[in-house]
Amino acid sequence: MDDDALLSDRSPFPPELDDRLRAQLTFVAEADRLKTILRASPLAAADRRENDAEHSWHLALMVLLLAEHADEPIDVGHAMRLVVIHDLVEIYAGDSPVFDPAAVVGQQEREEAAADRLFTLLPQDQAVGIRALWDEFEAGRTPEARFCKAMDRLQPMLLNWLNHGGTWQMPGATESTVRAREAGVVAASTTLGGATNALVEHGLRRGWIRPDPV
């Protein structure tokens, strides 16, 4: 299939649909690609890697359940919208594993280009609104965005813990790079930051995280 073709081009929607609904359904159809974008993180419940759609759902669940641990009051509904939207750009930009230095080169530029391509499939008012949510998450300047970024760091740490290392075993992962991810949790939640510190400390003791070279 042509790289510029949309999934909905394979089976065009009936002509009687109005333009707004057609645009919305085209976007929804294209979002199905998120299920094919594999992350580095292994699942805890199956012997395979997590995909982006599963990751986004897991983050939404974490926001719903763990919001009480946010250091700042947050609007849970707004935060859930942020995490559902934040990785959609990886449909076109792909995942960039944090412990792979080569993968993160040019990440921001790829994701900006993907956002420009993807969100403009929507009717203009919704395109503006969804792009604003993505920009808010990326900037991390609101309480909701800070907490969502914390969940985005905590979730793979939990999977790594449950897998006795997971992506902590990647060549670029050492105590300092793992703790850099932990800092994103600490920034939004004292309670959850303490929990991630415990995971890292015990991970080091068990050999699941490599110490930094001396």
Protein backbone atom coordinates (compact mmCIF):
# COMPACT_ATOMS: atom_id res chain seq x y z
CA MET A 1 0.00 0.00 0.00
CA ASP A 2 1.20 3.53 -0.76
CA ASP A 3 2.73 5.19 2.31
CA ASP A 4 0.45 8.20 1.82
CA ALA A 5 -2.72 6.11 1.54
CA LEU A 6 -5.20 6.03 4.40
CA LEU A 7 -6.66 2.85 5.81
CA SER A 8 -10.11 4.09 4.83
CA ASP A 9 -8.97 4.30 1.19
CA ARG A 10 -9.06 0.49 1.09
CA SER A 11 -12.81 0.55 1.53
CA PRO A 12 -14.16 4.10 1.01
CA PHE A 13 -17.06 5.15 3.18
CA PRO A 14 -20.52 5.37 1.54
CA PRO A 15 -21.03 8.60 -0.42
CA GLU A 16 -24.09 9.68 1.58
CA LEU A 17 -22.00 10.38 4.70
CA ASP A 18 -21.62 14.10 5.34
CA ASP A 19 -18.12 15.58 5.18
CA ARG A 20 -17.70 16.07 8.93
CA LEU A 21 -18.61 12.51 9.84
CA ARG A 22 -16.50 11.18 6.98
CA ALA A 23 -13.47 13.07 8.33
CA GLN A 24 -14.10 11.83 11.87
CA LEU A 25 -14.45 8.21 10.77
CA THR A 26 -11.35 8.52 8.58
CA PHE A 27 -9.36 9.62 11.64
CA VAL A 28 -10.83 6.85 13.80
CA ALA A 29 -9.95 4.30 11.12
CA GLU A 30 -6.39 5.63 10.83
CA ALA A 31 -6.01 5.38 14.61
CA ASP A 32 -6.26 1.60 14.20
CA ARG A 33 -2.62 1.76 13.11
CA LEU A 34 -1.68 2.48 16.74
CA LYS A 35 -2.34 -1.19 17.52
CA THR A 36 0.54 -2.14 15.21
CA ILE A 37 3.20 0.12 16.73
CA LEU A 38 5.32 -2.02 19.02
CA ARG A 39 7.07 -0.54 22.02
CA ALA A 40 10.24 -1.90 23.60
CA SER A 41 8.43 -2.82 26.82
CA PRO A 42 7.50 -6.49 27.24
CA LEU A 43 4.06 -7.36 28.56
CA ALA A 44 3.79 -8.90 31.99
CA ALA A 45 0.90 -11.20 30.98
CA ALA A 46 2.23 -12.59 27.68
CA ASP A 47 5.51 -13.29 25.94
CA ARG A 48 5.42 -10.40 23.51
CA ARG A 49 6.00 -6.66 23.36
CA GLU A 50 3.38 -4.07 24.21
CA ASN A 51 1.81 -2.00 21.45
CA ASP A 52 1.03 1.70 21.65
CA ALA A 53 -2.73 1.24 21.91
CA GLU A 54 -2.30 -1.06 24.90
CA HIS A 55 0.11 1.42 26.46
CA SER A 56 -2.33 4.32 26.05
CA TRP A 57 -5.19 2.32 27.58
CA HIS A 58 -2.98 1.32 30.51
CA LEU A 59 -2.04 4.95 31.12
CA ALA A 60 -5.70 6.00 31.10
CA LEU A 61 -6.46 3.35 33.71
CA MET A 62 -3.51 4.48 35.82
CA VAL A 63 -4.64 8.11 35.68
CA LEU A 64 -8.11 7.08 36.82
CA LEU A 65 -6.84 4.97 39.72
CA LEU A 66 -3.75 6.88 40.84
CA ALA A 67 -4.88 10.51 40.52
CA GLU A 68 -5.20 10.75 44.30
CA HIS A 69 -1.40 10.55 44.49
CA ALA A 70 -0.82 13.67 42.37
CA ASP A 71 0.95 16.42 44.29
CA GLU A 72 -1.26 19.00 42.53
CA PRO A 73 -5.05 18.69 42.08
CA ILE A 74 -5.84 17.45 38.57
CA ASP A 75 -8.89 17.16 36.34
CA VAL A 76 -8.97 13.39 35.83
CA GLY A 77 -11.12 13.53 32.70
CA HIS A 78 -8.79 16.02 31.08
CA ALA A 79 -5.75 13.96 32.07
CA MET A 80 -7.30 10.84 30.52
CA ARG A 81 -7.81 12.74 27.27
CA LEU A 82 -4.12 13.69 27.28
CA VAL A 83 -2.88 10.11 27.65
CA VAL A 84 -5.27 8.76 25.03
CA ILE A 85 -3.97 11.32 22.51
CA HIS A 86 -0.28 11.58 23.40
CA ASP A 87 1.10 8.60 21.41
CA LEU A 88 -1.13 8.84 18.34
CA VAL A 89 1.67 10.57 16.45
CA GLU A 90 3.68 7.35 16.63
CA ILE A 91 1.30 5.98 13.98
CA TYR A 92 3.56 7.82 11.52
CA ALA A 93 6.64 8.65 13.63
CA GLY A 94 7.15 5.21 15.18
CA ASP A 95 8.23 4.47 18.74
CA SER A 96 11.57 5.80 20.02
CA PRO A 97 12.86 3.57 22.84
CA VAL A 98 14.31 5.83 25.51
CA PHE A 99 17.34 3.60 26.17
CA ASP A 100 18.32 3.54 22.48
CA PRO A 101 20.29 6.75 21.78
CA ALA A 102 20.06 6.33 18.01
CA ALA A 103 16.27 5.97 18.13
CA VAL A 104 15.70 9.29 19.85
CA VAL A 105 17.72 11.32 17.34
CA GLY A 106 15.27 13.52 15.44
CA GLN A 107 12.33 12.26 17.51
CA GLN A 108 10.80 15.68 18.09
CA GLU A 109 10.93 16.60 14.42
CA ARG A 110 9.41 13.25 13.37
CA GLU A 111 6.59 13.60 15.86
CA GLU A 112 5.83 17.21 14.93
CA ALA A 113 5.57 16.20 11.28
CA ALA A 114 3.36 13.26 12.23
CA ALA A 115 1.08 15.52 14.26
CA ASP A 116 0.73 17.88 11.30
CA ARG A 117 -0.22 14.96 9.06
CA LEU A 118 -2.50 13.04 11.39
CA PHE A 119 -4.55 15.61 13.26
CA THR A 120 -5.46 17.57 10.13
CA LEU A 121 -7.52 14.57 9.00
CA LEU A 122 -10.14 15.76 11.49
CA PRO A 123 -12.65 18.59 10.99
CA GLN A 124 -10.85 21.85 11.70
CA ASP A 125 -12.36 22.52 15.14
CA GLN A 126 -11.50 19.04 16.36
CA ALA A 127 -8.08 19.13 14.71
CA VAL A 128 -7.27 22.28 16.69
CA GLY A 129 -8.56 20.79 19.94
CA ILE A 130 -6.76 17.44 19.59
CA ARG A 131 -3.52 19.13 18.54
CA ALA A 132 -3.81 21.37 21.62
CA LEU A 133 -4.04 18.28 23.84
CA TRP A 134 -0.95 16.78 22.22
CA ASP A 135 0.96 20.05 22.57
CA GLU A 136 -0.09 20.34 26.23
CA PHE A 137 1.22 16.86 27.02
CA GLU A 138 4.50 17.53 25.23
CA ALA A 139 5.06 20.86 26.99
CA GLY A 140 4.30 19.41 30.43
CA ARG A 141 3.37 22.80 31.86
CA THR A 142 -0.04 21.96 33.39
CA PRO A 143 -0.69 19.79 36.48
CA GLU A 144 -2.49 17.27 34.28
CA ALA A 145 0.36 17.08 31.76
CA ARG A 146 2.94 16.67 34.52
CA PHE A 147 0.96 13.84 36.10
CA CYS A 148 0.40 12.16 32.73
CA LYS A 149 4.11 12.32 31.98
CA ALA A 150 4.71 10.69 35.36
CA MET A 151 2.36 7.86 34.43
CA ASP A 152 4.13 7.52 31.08
CA ARG A 153 7.34 6.85 33.01
CA LEU A 154 5.86 4.74 35.78
CA GLN A 155 4.01 2.30 33.50
CA PRO A 156 7.09 0.88 31.73
CA MET A 157 8.90 0.74 35.05
CA LEU A 158 6.13 -1.49 36.37
CA LEU A 159 6.39 -3.75 33.32
CA ASN A 160 10.15 -3.92 33.75
CA TRP A 161 9.74 -4.86 37.40
CA LEU A 162 7.25 -7.59 36.54
CA ASN A 163 9.63 -8.91 33.87
CA HIS A 164 12.68 -8.97 36.15
CA GLY A 165 14.36 -6.26 34.11
CA GLY A 166 12.59 -5.78 30.77
CA THR A 167 14.00 -2.75 28.98
CA TRP A 168 16.32 -2.12 31.92
CA GLN A 169 18.40 -4.84 30.25
CA MET A 170 18.88 -2.82 27.04
CA PRO A 171 22.49 -1.79 26.29
CA GLY A 172 21.83 1.91 26.99
CA ALA A 173 20.18 1.34 30.36
CA THR A 174 22.17 1.82 33.55
CA GLU A 175 21.26 3.13 36.99
CA SER A 176 21.62 6.78 35.96
CA THR A 177 19.46 6.48 32.83
CA VAL A 178 16.81 4.54 34.76
CA ARG A 179 16.84 7.14 37.52
CA ALA A 180 16.43 9.88 34.93
CA ARG A 181 13.10 8.26 34.04
CA GLU A 182 12.26 7.93 37.73
CA ALA A 183 12.72 11.70 38.10
CA GLY A 184 9.69 12.27 35.88
CA VAL A 185 7.54 10.43 38.39
CA VAL A 186 9.04 12.26 41.37
CA ALA A 187 8.24 15.59 39.69
CA ALA A 188 4.49 14.95 39.88
CA SER A 189 3.96 12.68 42.87
CA THR A 190 5.91 12.33 46.10
CA THR A 191 4.14 9.04 46.86
CA LEU A 192 4.65 7.46 43.45
CA GLY A 193 8.17 8.84 43.28
CA GLY A 194 8.95 6.98 46.48
CA ALA A 195 7.48 3.82 44.97
CA THR A 196 9.61 4.10 41.84
CA ASN A 197 12.70 4.68 43.95
CA ALA A 198 11.94 1.43 45.78
CA LEU A 199 11.59 -0.39 42.45
CA VAL A 200 14.95 0.93 41.29
CA GLU A 201 16.72 0.17 44.56
CA HIS A 202 15.44 -3.41 44.61
CA GLY A 203 16.09 -3.76 40.87
CA LEU A 204 19.72 -2.86 41.48
CA ARG A 205 20.03 -5.35 44.33
CA ARG A 206 18.55 -8.12 42.21
CA GLY A 207 20.77 -7.43 39.23
CA TRP A 208 17.92 -6.28 37.00
CA ILE A 209 19.53 -2.83 36.54
CA ARG A 210 23.21 -2.37 35.74
CA PRO A 211 25.20 0.04 37.94
CA ASP A 212 26.89 2.92 36.16
CA PRO A 213 30.46 2.22 35.02
CA VAL A 214 33.01 3.34 37.58
